[in-house]
Amino acid sequence: MKEKANIGAGHSAAAAGYTTIAGRAVGEYEEKKSRFIASLAHVETEAEALAFLEEIRAANRMARHNVYAYILRDAEGALRAAPDVVGSGKAGASVAEGAGESSAAIAGGEGLRSAGAAVGEAVVSGAVASTAASEGTRRVAIPTPRVRYSDDGEPQKTAGLPTLQVLQHAGLTDVVAVVTRYFGGVLLGTGGLVRAYTQATQAAVQAAELVVVSRCIDLTVRTSYANYESLLRIASDTGAKVLDSSFADAVTLHLRMLDGTQPPFLQKLTELERGAQNVVVSEPLDAAF
């Protein structure tokens, strides 16, 4: 697992962002001549996740199974801790498991299983939390990450759920995993299947490059050659990262910072430039930092 650019503990939870993977990764595990090939990809929409699934299926038409799982941020772009599901008594990483058993509790306006879905396929698109109030207990709808998994014909909860749990335990979101199985002629049993799908997905996660995506701002600063070194020190001291530089009649720096951390930088920049406003600040954006 190749980690990249984490956030210091001094920043707020909102600034800490979420962890995903850069690009794609592959891992493989073999058990009794059955091959399990796990393919991971960074995706941001359900359409992208399903397109990746179809791509893997098309490339492995002779495979017995193409099990999948994905985790996407909610509609507001924020990954939140999943509350207890009313009627299931389960929370957090176990919400998806409850999805296959408690459709009335967690299906947010759509059926738990689509027409023709494989056995074991489950969708989590929303959750309901019970909140105690002085007037009694009330139910509050709370958005949760979009989570989906499928056993694709394997025995229930032996394939899709273990794959999903590896992604959850790694703390990943905006990611899809497809585990392709080429049958080796020997039945593995329930425990063997869980172990194989888990090991294959873990191998892919280990091979992936992890990135932390945070709410950032980009700054474009124009300064004189005389102030260039001082500006670099200010950027380093205030947590700004230099994306690129250009040198002409003056120096132009493109910087990135966590949104909300820019006031000290801007203050020191104003002092360096003696009040001149030679900076352009972007609107907040989600980006690797």
C-alpha atoms as a PDB file:
ATOM      1  CA  MET A   1       0.000   0.000   0.000  1.00  0.00           C
ATOM      2  CA  LYS A   2       1.680   3.178  -1.192  1.00  0.00           C
ATOM      3  CA  GLU A   3       0.464   6.111   0.858  1.00  0.00           C
ATOM      4  CA  LYS A   4       0.654   9.675  -0.374  1.00  0.00           C
ATOM      5  CA  ALA A   5       0.239  13.125   1.146  1.00  0.00           C
ATOM      6  CA  ASN A   6      -1.535  12.733   4.464  1.00  0.00           C
ATOM      7  CA  ILE A   7      -2.904  15.622   6.515  1.00  0.00           C
ATOM      8  CA  GLY A   8      -1.390  16.854   9.768  1.00  0.00           C
ATOM      9  CA  ALA A   9      -3.276  16.252  12.987  1.00  0.00           C
ATOM     10  CA  GLY A  10      -3.687  19.966  13.591  1.00  0.00           C
ATOM     11  CA  HIS A  11      -6.252  20.384  10.839  1.00  0.00           C
ATOM     12  CA  SER A  12      -9.988  20.074  11.377  1.00  0.00           C
ATOM     13  CA  ALA A  13     -11.970  16.968  10.507  1.00  0.00           C
ATOM     14  CA  ALA A  14     -13.575  18.856   7.641  1.00  0.00           C
ATOM     15  CA  ALA A  15     -10.157  19.604   6.171  1.00  0.00           C
ATOM     16  CA  ALA A  16      -8.954  16.025   6.610  1.00  0.00           C
ATOM     17  CA  GLY A  17     -10.947  14.893   3.580  1.00  0.00           C
ATOM     18  CA  TYR A  18     -11.187  11.265   2.564  1.00  0.00           C
ATOM     19  CA  THR A  19      -8.898   8.539   1.259  1.00  0.00           C
ATOM     20  CA  THR A  20      -9.186   7.004  -2.193  1.00  0.00           C
ATOM     21  CA  ILE A  21      -6.820   5.478  -4.746  1.00  0.00           C
ATOM     22  CA  ALA A  22      -5.012   7.070  -7.665  1.00  0.00           C
ATOM     23  CA  GLY A  23      -5.911   5.396 -10.944  1.00  0.00           C
ATOM     24  CA  ARG A  24      -6.099   1.611 -10.869  1.00  0.00           C
ATOM     25  CA  ALA A  25      -4.479  -1.373  -9.145  1.00  0.00           C
ATOM     26  CA  VAL A  26      -4.528  -5.167  -9.469  1.00  0.00           C
ATOM     27  CA  GLY A  27      -3.921  -7.968  -6.974  1.00  0.00           C
ATOM     28  CA  GLU A  28      -4.145 -11.744  -7.334  1.00  0.00           C
ATOM     29  CA  TYR A  29      -4.616 -14.764  -5.079  1.00  0.00           C
ATOM     30  CA  GLU A  30      -4.693 -18.475  -5.954  1.00  0.00           C
ATOM     31  CA  GLU A  31      -6.410 -21.202  -3.951  1.00  0.00           C
ATOM     32  CA  LYS A  32      -6.590 -24.841  -5.115  1.00  0.00           C
ATOM     33  CA  LYS A  33      -6.074 -23.850  -8.763  1.00  0.00           C
ATOM     34  CA  SER A  34      -8.815 -21.185  -8.645  1.00  0.00           C
ATOM     35  CA  ARG A  35      -7.467 -17.734  -9.583  1.00  0.00           C
ATOM     36  CA  PHE A  36      -8.917 -14.646  -7.943  1.00  0.00           C
ATOM     37  CA  ILE A  37      -7.915 -11.410  -9.714  1.00  0.00           C
ATOM     38  CA  ALA A  38      -8.942  -8.202  -7.916  1.00  0.00           C
ATOM     39  CA  SER A  39      -9.097  -5.009  -9.970  1.00  0.00           C
ATOM     40  CA  LEU A  40      -9.508  -1.628  -8.249  1.00  0.00           C
ATOM     41  CA  ALA A  41     -10.310   1.739  -9.814  1.00  0.00           C
ATOM     42  CA  HIS A  42     -10.953   5.270  -8.627  1.00  0.00           C
ATOM     43  CA  VAL A  43     -14.508   6.287  -9.571  1.00  0.00           C
ATOM     44  CA  GLU A  44     -16.689   9.227  -8.610  1.00  0.00           C
ATOM     45  CA  THR A  45     -20.138   8.165  -9.849  1.00  0.00           C
ATOM     46  CA  GLU A  46     -22.194   4.998  -9.972  1.00  0.00           C
ATOM     47  CA  ALA A  47     -22.094   5.140 -13.760  1.00  0.00           C
ATOM     48  CA  GLU A  48     -18.279   5.060 -13.667  1.00  0.00           C
ATOM     49  CA  ALA A  49     -18.312   2.137 -11.226  1.00  0.00           C
ATOM     50  CA  LEU A  50     -20.687   0.096 -13.399  1.00  0.00           C
ATOM     51  CA  ALA A  51     -18.723   0.962 -16.557  1.00  0.00           C
ATOM     52  CA  PHE A  52     -15.559  -0.401 -14.899  1.00  0.00           C
ATOM     53  CA  LEU A  53     -17.446  -3.562 -13.925  1.00  0.00           C
ATOM     54  CA  GLU A  54     -18.552  -4.082 -17.531  1.00  0.00           C
ATOM     55  CA  GLU A  55     -14.992  -3.464 -18.742  1.00  0.00           C
ATOM     56  CA  ILE A  56     -13.647  -6.194 -16.456  1.00  0.00           C
ATOM     57  CA  ARG A  57     -16.455  -8.567 -17.416  1.00  0.00           C
ATOM     58  CA  ALA A  58     -15.759  -8.016 -21.122  1.00  0.00           C
ATOM     59  CA  ALA A  59     -12.052  -8.726 -20.601  1.00  0.00           C
ATOM     60  CA  ASN A  60     -12.784 -11.934 -18.649  1.00  0.00           C
ATOM     61  CA  ARG A  61     -15.649 -13.603 -20.499  1.00  0.00           C
ATOM     62  CA  MET A  62     -14.402 -17.087 -19.636  1.00  0.00           C
ATOM     63  CA  ALA A  63     -14.359 -16.388 -15.897  1.00  0.00           C
ATOM     64  CA  ARG A  64     -16.910 -18.076 -13.647  1.00  0.00           C
ATOM     65  CA  HIS A  65     -17.633 -15.001 -11.494  1.00  0.00           C
ATOM     66  CA  ASN A  66     -17.012 -11.238 -11.467  1.00  0.00           C
ATOM     67  CA  VAL A  67     -17.808 -10.207  -7.910  1.00  0.00           C
ATOM     68  CA  TYR A  68     -17.869  -6.480  -7.153  1.00  0.00           C
ATOM     69  CA  ALA A  69     -18.203  -3.876  -4.442  1.00  0.00           C
ATOM     70  CA  TYR A  70     -17.995  -0.104  -4.446  1.00  0.00           C
ATOM     71  CA  ILE A  71     -18.196   2.836  -2.052  1.00  0.00           C
ATOM     72  CA  LEU A  72     -19.133   6.330  -3.228  1.00  0.00           C
ATOM     73  CA  ARG A  73     -19.581   9.574  -1.339  1.00  0.00           C
ATOM     74  CA  ASP A  74     -23.125  10.740  -0.698  1.00  0.00           C
ATOM     75  CA  ALA A  75     -24.917  13.349  -2.792  1.00  0.00           C
ATOM     76  CA  GLU A  76     -23.462  16.189  -0.720  1.00  0.00           C
ATOM     77  CA  GLY A  77     -19.929  14.908  -1.279  1.00  0.00           C
ATOM     78  CA  ALA A  78     -19.260  14.052   2.357  1.00  0.00           C
ATOM     79  CA  LEU A  79     -18.466  10.625   3.751  1.00  0.00           C
ATOM     80  CA  ARG A  80     -20.249  10.243   7.066  1.00  0.00           C
ATOM     81  CA  ALA A  81     -20.247   7.641   9.807  1.00  0.00           C
ATOM     82  CA  ALA A  82     -23.199   5.382   9.160  1.00  0.00           C
ATOM     83  CA  PRO A  83     -25.756   5.454  12.004  1.00  0.00           C
ATOM     84  CA  ASP A  84     -27.486   2.422  13.446  1.00  0.00           C
ATOM     85  CA  VAL A  85     -30.026   1.093  10.987  1.00  0.00           C
ATOM     86  CA  VAL A  86     -33.480   1.074  12.532  1.00  0.00           C
ATOM     87  CA  GLY A  87     -34.539  -2.499  13.041  1.00  0.00           C
ATOM     88  CA  SER A  88     -31.097  -4.005  12.311  1.00  0.00           C
ATOM     89  CA  GLY A  89     -29.011  -3.023  15.320  1.00  0.00           C
ATOM     90  CA  LYS A  90     -25.953  -2.683  13.077  1.00  0.00           C
ATOM     91  CA  ALA A  91     -23.757   0.298  12.329  1.00  0.00           C
ATOM     92  CA  GLY A  92     -20.688   1.497  10.463  1.00  0.00           C
ATOM     93  CA  ALA A  93     -19.041  -1.156   8.331  1.00  0.00           C
ATOM     94  CA  SER A  94     -21.914  -3.560   8.983  1.00  0.00           C
ATOM     95  CA  VAL A  95     -24.566  -1.397   7.337  1.00  0.00           C
ATOM     96  CA  ALA A  96     -24.048  -3.054   3.959  1.00  0.00           C
ATOM     97  CA  GLU A  97     -24.471  -6.466   5.538  1.00  0.00           C
ATOM     98  CA  GLY A  98     -27.797  -5.391   6.975  1.00  0.00           C
ATOM     99  CA  ALA A  99     -28.806  -4.111   3.560  1.00  0.00           C
ATOM    100  CA  GLY A 100     -29.408  -7.608   2.310  1.00  0.00           C
ATOM    101  CA  GLU A 101     -31.755  -8.317   5.200  1.00  0.00           C
ATOM    102  CA  SER A 102     -33.584  -5.100   6.036  1.00  0.00           C
ATOM    103  CA  SER A 103     -34.729  -3.360   2.873  1.00  0.00           C
ATOM    104  CA  ALA A 104     -37.544  -1.458   4.567  1.00  0.00           C
ATOM    105  CA  ALA A 105     -35.091   0.075   7.001  1.00  0.00           C
ATOM    106  CA  ILE A 106     -32.468   1.412   4.623  1.00  0.00           C
ATOM    107  CA  ALA A 107     -33.629   1.551   1.027  1.00  0.00           C
ATOM    108  CA  GLY A 108     -33.763   5.279   0.347  1.00  0.00           C
ATOM    109  CA  GLY A 109     -36.655   5.455  -2.069  1.00  0.00           C
ATOM    110  CA  GLU A 110     -35.623   2.541  -4.270  1.00  0.00           C
ATOM    111  CA  GLY A 111     -35.882  -1.232  -4.082  1.00  0.00           C
ATOM    112  CA  LEU A 112     -33.036  -3.100  -2.471  1.00  0.00           C
ATOM    113  CA  ARG A 113     -32.608  -5.376  -5.453  1.00  0.00           C
ATOM    114  CA  SER A 114     -32.893  -4.327  -9.076  1.00  0.00           C
ATOM    115  CA  ALA A 115     -34.574  -6.585 -11.600  1.00  0.00           C
ATOM    116  CA  GLY A 116     -32.269  -9.443 -12.529  1.00  0.00           C
ATOM    117  CA  ALA A 117     -29.731  -8.634  -9.821  1.00  0.00           C
ATOM    118  CA  ALA A 118     -27.548 -11.489  -8.682  1.00  0.00           C
ATOM    119  CA  VAL A 119     -28.258 -13.207  -5.402  1.00  0.00           C
ATOM    120  CA  GLY A 120     -26.456 -11.362  -2.633  1.00  0.00           C
ATOM    121  CA  GLU A 121     -26.491  -7.983  -4.380  1.00  0.00           C
ATOM    122  CA  ALA A 122     -27.302  -5.199  -1.965  1.00  0.00           C
ATOM    123  CA  VAL A 123     -27.606  -1.440  -2.133  1.00  0.00           C
ATOM    124  CA  VAL A 124     -27.233   1.095   0.650  1.00  0.00           C
ATOM    125  CA  SER A 125     -28.376   4.532  -0.475  1.00  0.00           C
ATOM    126  CA  GLY A 126     -29.665   6.025   2.744  1.00  0.00           C
ATOM    127  CA  ALA A 127     -30.235   5.260   6.406  1.00  0.00           C
ATOM    128  CA  VAL A 128     -32.648   6.183   9.161  1.00  0.00           C
ATOM    129  CA  ALA A 129     -31.500   6.993  12.679  1.00  0.00           C
ATOM    130  CA  SER A 130     -33.626   6.996  15.817  1.00  0.00           C
ATOM    131  CA  THR A 131     -33.069  10.152  17.862  1.00  0.00           C
ATOM    132  CA  ALA A 132     -34.332  10.487  21.405  1.00  0.00           C
ATOM    133  CA  ALA A 133     -36.101  13.790  22.018  1.00  0.00           C
ATOM    134  CA  SER A 134     -37.963  15.187  24.994  1.00  0.00           C
ATOM    135  CA  GLU A 135     -41.271  14.569  23.257  1.00  0.00           C
ATOM    136  CA  GLY A 136     -40.350  10.968  22.447  1.00  0.00           C
ATOM    137  CA  THR A 137     -38.391   9.124  19.784  1.00  0.00           C
ATOM    138  CA  ARG A 138     -38.281  10.580  16.291  1.00  0.00           C
ATOM    139  CA  ARG A 139     -36.741   9.294  13.102  1.00  0.00           C
ATOM    140  CA  VAL A 140     -34.299  11.456  11.173  1.00  0.00           C
ATOM    141  CA  ALA A 141     -33.129  10.659   7.632  1.00  0.00           C
ATOM    142  CA  ILE A 142     -29.345  10.878   7.405  1.00  0.00           C
ATOM    143  CA  PRO A 143     -27.498  10.509   4.089  1.00  0.00           C
ATOM    144  CA  THR A 144     -24.813   7.817   3.989  1.00  0.00           C
ATOM    145  CA  PRO A 145     -22.212   6.754   1.449  1.00  0.00           C
ATOM    146  CA  ARG A 146     -23.516   4.904  -1.578  1.00  0.00           C
ATOM    147  CA  VAL A 147     -22.451   1.285  -1.014  1.00  0.00           C
ATOM    148  CA  ARG A 148     -23.161  -1.696  -3.244  1.00  0.00           C
ATOM    149  CA  TYR A 149     -21.880  -5.245  -3.540  1.00  0.00           C
ATOM    150  CA  SER A 150     -22.708  -8.438  -5.430  1.00  0.00           C
ATOM    151  CA  ASP A 151     -21.789 -12.095  -4.903  1.00  0.00           C
ATOM    152  CA  ASP A 152     -22.383 -12.737  -8.635  1.00  0.00           C
ATOM    153  CA  GLY A 153     -23.581 -16.291  -8.101  1.00  0.00           C
ATOM    154  CA  GLU A 154     -21.242 -17.260  -5.279  1.00  0.00           C
ATOM    155  CA  PRO A 155     -22.895 -18.392  -2.012  1.00  0.00           C
ATOM    156  CA  GLN A 156     -24.425 -15.435  -0.178  1.00  0.00           C
ATOM    157  CA  LYS A 157     -21.967 -13.252   1.771  1.00  0.00           C
ATOM    158  CA  THR A 158     -18.910 -15.276   0.738  1.00  0.00           C
ATOM    159  CA  ALA A 159     -17.678 -12.925  -1.985  1.00  0.00           C
ATOM    160  CA  GLY A 160     -19.155  -9.439  -2.369  1.00  0.00           C
ATOM    161  CA  LEU A 161     -19.338  -8.692   1.338  1.00  0.00           C
ATOM    162  CA  PRO A 162     -15.727  -9.732   2.123  1.00  0.00           C
ATOM    163  CA  THR A 163     -14.602  -7.613  -0.833  1.00  0.00           C
ATOM    164  CA  LEU A 164     -16.557  -4.636   0.480  1.00  0.00           C
ATOM    165  CA  GLN A 165     -15.219  -5.084   4.001  1.00  0.00           C
ATOM    166  CA  VAL A 166     -11.613  -4.898   2.795  1.00  0.00           C
ATOM    167  CA  LEU A 167     -12.386  -1.525   1.187  1.00  0.00           C
ATOM    168  CA  GLN A 168     -14.087  -0.343   4.365  1.00  0.00           C
ATOM    169  CA  HIS A 169     -11.282  -1.504   6.651  1.00  0.00           C
ATOM    170  CA  ALA A 170      -8.782   0.343   4.425  1.00  0.00           C
ATOM    171  CA  GLY A 171     -10.874   3.503   4.861  1.00  0.00           C
ATOM    172  CA  LEU A 172     -11.412   3.950   1.118  1.00  0.00           C
ATOM    173  CA  THR A 173     -14.193   5.704  -0.736  1.00  0.00           C
ATOM    174  CA  ASP A 174     -14.857   6.655  -4.367  1.00  0.00           C
ATOM    175  CA  VAL A 175     -13.480   3.225  -5.251  1.00  0.00           C
ATOM    176  CA  VAL A 176     -14.743   0.081  -6.985  1.00  0.00           C
ATOM    177  CA  ALA A 177     -13.343  -3.443  -6.692  1.00  0.00           C
ATOM    178  CA  VAL A 178     -14.093  -6.261  -9.129  1.00  0.00           C
ATOM    179  CA  VAL A 179     -12.765  -9.718  -8.227  1.00  0.00           C
ATOM    180  CA  THR A 180     -12.686 -12.120 -11.156  1.00  0.00           C
ATOM    181  CA  ARG A 181     -12.651 -15.860 -10.370  1.00  0.00           C
ATOM    182  CA  TYR A 182     -11.393 -18.513 -12.747  1.00  0.00           C
ATOM    183  CA  PHE A 183     -12.641 -21.806 -11.308  1.00  0.00           C
ATOM    184  CA  GLY A 184      -9.932 -24.414 -10.743  1.00  0.00           C
ATOM    185  CA  GLY A 185     -12.197 -27.440 -10.470  1.00  0.00           C
ATOM    186  CA  VAL A 186     -12.154 -27.756  -6.666  1.00  0.00           C
ATOM    187  CA  LEU A 187     -14.893 -26.392  -4.426  1.00  0.00           C
ATOM    188  CA  LEU A 188     -13.449 -24.154  -1.698  1.00  0.00           C
ATOM    189  CA  GLY A 189     -16.310 -24.114   0.789  1.00  0.00           C
ATOM    190  CA  THR A 190     -17.661 -21.037   2.571  1.00  0.00           C
ATOM    191  CA  GLY A 191     -14.524 -20.317   4.580  1.00  0.00           C
ATOM    192  CA  GLY A 192     -12.254 -20.828   1.594  1.00  0.00           C
ATOM    193  CA  LEU A 193     -14.257 -18.408  -0.558  1.00  0.00           C
ATOM    194  CA  VAL A 194     -14.294 -15.696   2.106  1.00  0.00           C
ATOM    195  CA  ARG A 195     -10.540 -16.069   2.552  1.00  0.00           C
ATOM    196  CA  ALA A 196      -9.827 -16.010  -1.197  1.00  0.00           C
ATOM    197  CA  TYR A 197     -11.909 -12.932  -1.992  1.00  0.00           C
ATOM    198  CA  THR A 198     -10.495 -11.155   1.056  1.00  0.00           C
ATOM    199  CA  GLN A 199      -6.877 -11.990   0.175  1.00  0.00           C
ATOM    200  CA  ALA A 200      -7.243 -10.967  -3.470  1.00  0.00           C
ATOM    201  CA  THR A 201      -8.798  -7.597  -2.584  1.00  0.00           C
ATOM    202  CA  GLN A 202      -6.182  -6.969   0.092  1.00  0.00           C
ATOM    203  CA  ALA A 203      -3.444  -7.639  -2.466  1.00  0.00           C
ATOM    204  CA  ALA A 204      -4.946  -5.030  -4.798  1.00  0.00           C
ATOM    205  CA  VAL A 205      -5.247  -2.470  -1.986  1.00  0.00           C
ATOM    206  CA  GLN A 206      -1.602  -3.112  -1.077  1.00  0.00           C
ATOM    207  CA  ALA A 207      -0.620  -2.435  -4.694  1.00  0.00           C
ATOM    208  CA  ALA A 208      -2.679   0.769  -4.929  1.00  0.00           C
ATOM    209  CA  GLU A 209      -1.409   4.298  -4.478  1.00  0.00           C
ATOM    210  CA  LEU A 210      -3.523   5.952  -1.787  1.00  0.00           C
ATOM    211  CA  VAL A 211      -4.293   9.653  -1.916  1.00  0.00           C
ATOM    212  CA  VAL A 212      -6.040  11.940   0.551  1.00  0.00           C
ATOM    213  CA  VAL A 213      -8.576  14.193  -1.148  1.00  0.00           C
ATOM    214  CA  SER A 214      -9.344  17.382   0.760  1.00  0.00           C
ATOM    215  CA  ARG A 215     -11.217  20.644   0.331  1.00  0.00           C
ATOM    216  CA  CYS A 216      -8.533  22.918  -1.096  1.00  0.00           C
ATOM    217  CA  ILE A 217      -7.973  26.268  -2.752  1.00  0.00           C
ATOM    218  CA  ASP A 218      -5.466  27.105  -5.482  1.00  0.00           C
ATOM    219  CA  LEU A 219      -3.577  30.390  -5.501  1.00  0.00           C
ATOM    220  CA  THR A 220      -1.724  32.098  -8.324  1.00  0.00           C
ATOM    221  CA  VAL A 221       0.894  34.511  -7.023  1.00  0.00           C
ATOM    222  CA  ARG A 222       3.033  36.880  -9.097  1.00  0.00           C
ATOM    223  CA  THR A 223       6.155  38.233  -7.427  1.00  0.00           C
ATOM    224  CA  SER A 224       9.550  39.745  -8.209  1.00  0.00           C
ATOM    225  CA  TYR A 225      12.743  37.727  -8.459  1.00  0.00           C
ATOM    226  CA  ALA A 226      13.952  39.565  -5.353  1.00  0.00           C
ATOM    227  CA  ASN A 227      11.003  38.197  -3.332  1.00  0.00           C
ATOM    228  CA  TYR A 228      10.978  34.700  -4.839  1.00  0.00           C
ATOM    229  CA  GLU A 229      12.967  32.888  -2.122  1.00  0.00           C
ATOM    230  CA  SER A 230      11.051  34.689   0.643  1.00  0.00           C
ATOM    231  CA  LEU A 231       7.759  33.651  -0.944  1.00  0.00           C
ATOM    232  CA  LEU A 232       8.866  30.018  -1.042  1.00  0.00           C
ATOM    233  CA  ARG A 233       9.658  30.169   2.682  1.00  0.00           C
ATOM    234  CA  ILE A 234       6.270  31.709   3.450  1.00  0.00           C
ATOM    235  CA  ALA A 235       4.544  28.971   1.441  1.00  0.00           C
ATOM    236  CA  SER A 236       6.462  26.259   3.307  1.00  0.00           C
ATOM    237  CA  ASP A 237       5.815  27.818   6.719  1.00  0.00           C
ATOM    238  CA  THR A 238       2.058  28.156   6.146  1.00  0.00           C
ATOM    239  CA  GLY A 239       1.390  24.742   4.595  1.00  0.00           C
ATOM    240  CA  ALA A 240       1.080  25.756   0.949  1.00  0.00           C
ATOM    241  CA  LYS A 241       2.344  23.358  -1.719  1.00  0.00           C
ATOM    242  CA  VAL A 242       3.936  24.612  -4.942  1.00  0.00           C
ATOM    243  CA  LEU A 243       2.216  23.054  -7.947  1.00  0.00           C
ATOM    244  CA  ASP A 244       4.378  24.740 -10.587  1.00  0.00           C
ATOM    245  CA  SER A 245       6.356  27.882 -11.324  1.00  0.00           C
ATOM    246  CA  SER A 246       6.955  30.028 -14.400  1.00  0.00           C
ATOM    247  CA  PHE A 247       9.708  32.568 -14.924  1.00  0.00           C
ATOM    248  CA  ALA A 248       9.408  35.580 -17.226  1.00  0.00           C
ATOM    249  CA  ASP A 249       9.719  39.274 -16.370  1.00  0.00           C
ATOM    250  CA  ALA A 250       8.443  38.170 -12.937  1.00  0.00           C
ATOM    251  CA  VAL A 251       7.921  34.847 -11.157  1.00  0.00           C
ATOM    252  CA  THR A 252       4.454  33.245 -11.111  1.00  0.00           C
ATOM    253  CA  LEU A 253       3.767  30.501  -8.571  1.00  0.00           C
ATOM    254  CA  HIS A 254       0.745  28.203  -8.537  1.00  0.00           C
ATOM    255  CA  LEU A 255       0.083  27.010  -4.997  1.00  0.00           C
ATOM    256  CA  ARG A 256      -2.431  24.737  -3.249  1.00  0.00           C
ATOM    257  CA  MET A 257      -3.599  24.936   0.379  1.00  0.00           C
ATOM    258  CA  LEU A 258      -6.285  23.390   2.537  1.00  0.00           C
ATOM    259  CA  ASP A 259      -9.349  25.613   2.430  1.00  0.00           C
ATOM    260  CA  GLY A 260      -9.531  27.699   5.593  1.00  0.00           C
ATOM    261  CA  THR A 261      -5.776  27.702   6.228  1.00  0.00           C
ATOM    262  CA  GLN A 262      -4.958  30.580   3.860  1.00  0.00           C
ATOM    263  CA  PRO A 263      -5.267  33.699   6.127  1.00  0.00           C
ATOM    264  CA  PRO A 264      -1.706  33.468   7.584  1.00  0.00           C
ATOM    265  CA  PHE A 265      -0.276  33.012   4.089  1.00  0.00           C
ATOM    266  CA  LEU A 266      -2.213  35.952   2.669  1.00  0.00           C
ATOM    267  CA  GLN A 267      -1.206  38.158   5.582  1.00  0.00           C
ATOM    268  CA  LYS A 268       2.498  37.372   5.178  1.00  0.00           C
ATOM    269  CA  LEU A 269       2.215  37.765   1.412  1.00  0.00           C
ATOM    270  CA  THR A 270       0.725  41.244   1.869  1.00  0.00           C
ATOM    271  CA  GLU A 271       3.588  42.171   4.170  1.00  0.00           C
ATOM    272  CA  LEU A 272       6.157  40.826   1.692  1.00  0.00           C
ATOM    273  CA  GLU A 273       4.601  42.691  -1.216  1.00  0.00           C
ATOM    274  CA  ARG A 274       4.042  45.816   0.908  1.00  0.00           C
ATOM    275  CA  GLY A 275       0.310  45.840   0.368  1.00  0.00           C
ATOM    276  CA  ALA A 276       0.265  44.934  -3.320  1.00  0.00           C
ATOM    277  CA  GLN A 277      -2.483  42.479  -4.301  1.00  0.00           C
ATOM    278  CA  ASN A 278      -0.719  40.102  -6.688  1.00  0.00           C
ATOM    279  CA  VAL A 279      -2.644  36.938  -5.859  1.00  0.00           C
ATOM    280  CA  VAL A 280      -5.691  35.183  -7.341  1.00  0.00           C
ATOM    281  CA  VAL A 281      -7.519  32.712  -5.086  1.00  0.00           C
ATOM    282  CA  SER A 282      -9.703  29.987  -6.631  1.00  0.00           C
ATOM    283  CA  GLU A 283     -13.055  28.754  -5.443  1.00  0.00           C
ATOM    284  CA  PRO A 284     -12.786  25.722  -3.097  1.00  0.00           C
ATOM    285  CA  LEU A 285     -12.252  22.408  -4.855  1.00  0.00           C
ATOM    286  CA  ASP A 286     -11.745  18.756  -3.928  1.00  0.00           C
ATOM    287  CA  ALA A 287      -8.183  17.736  -4.758  1.00  0.00           C
ATOM    288  CA  ALA A 288      -5.337  15.519  -3.607  1.00  0.00           C
ATOM    289  CA  PHE A 289      -3.225  17.209  -0.956  1.00  0.00           C
END
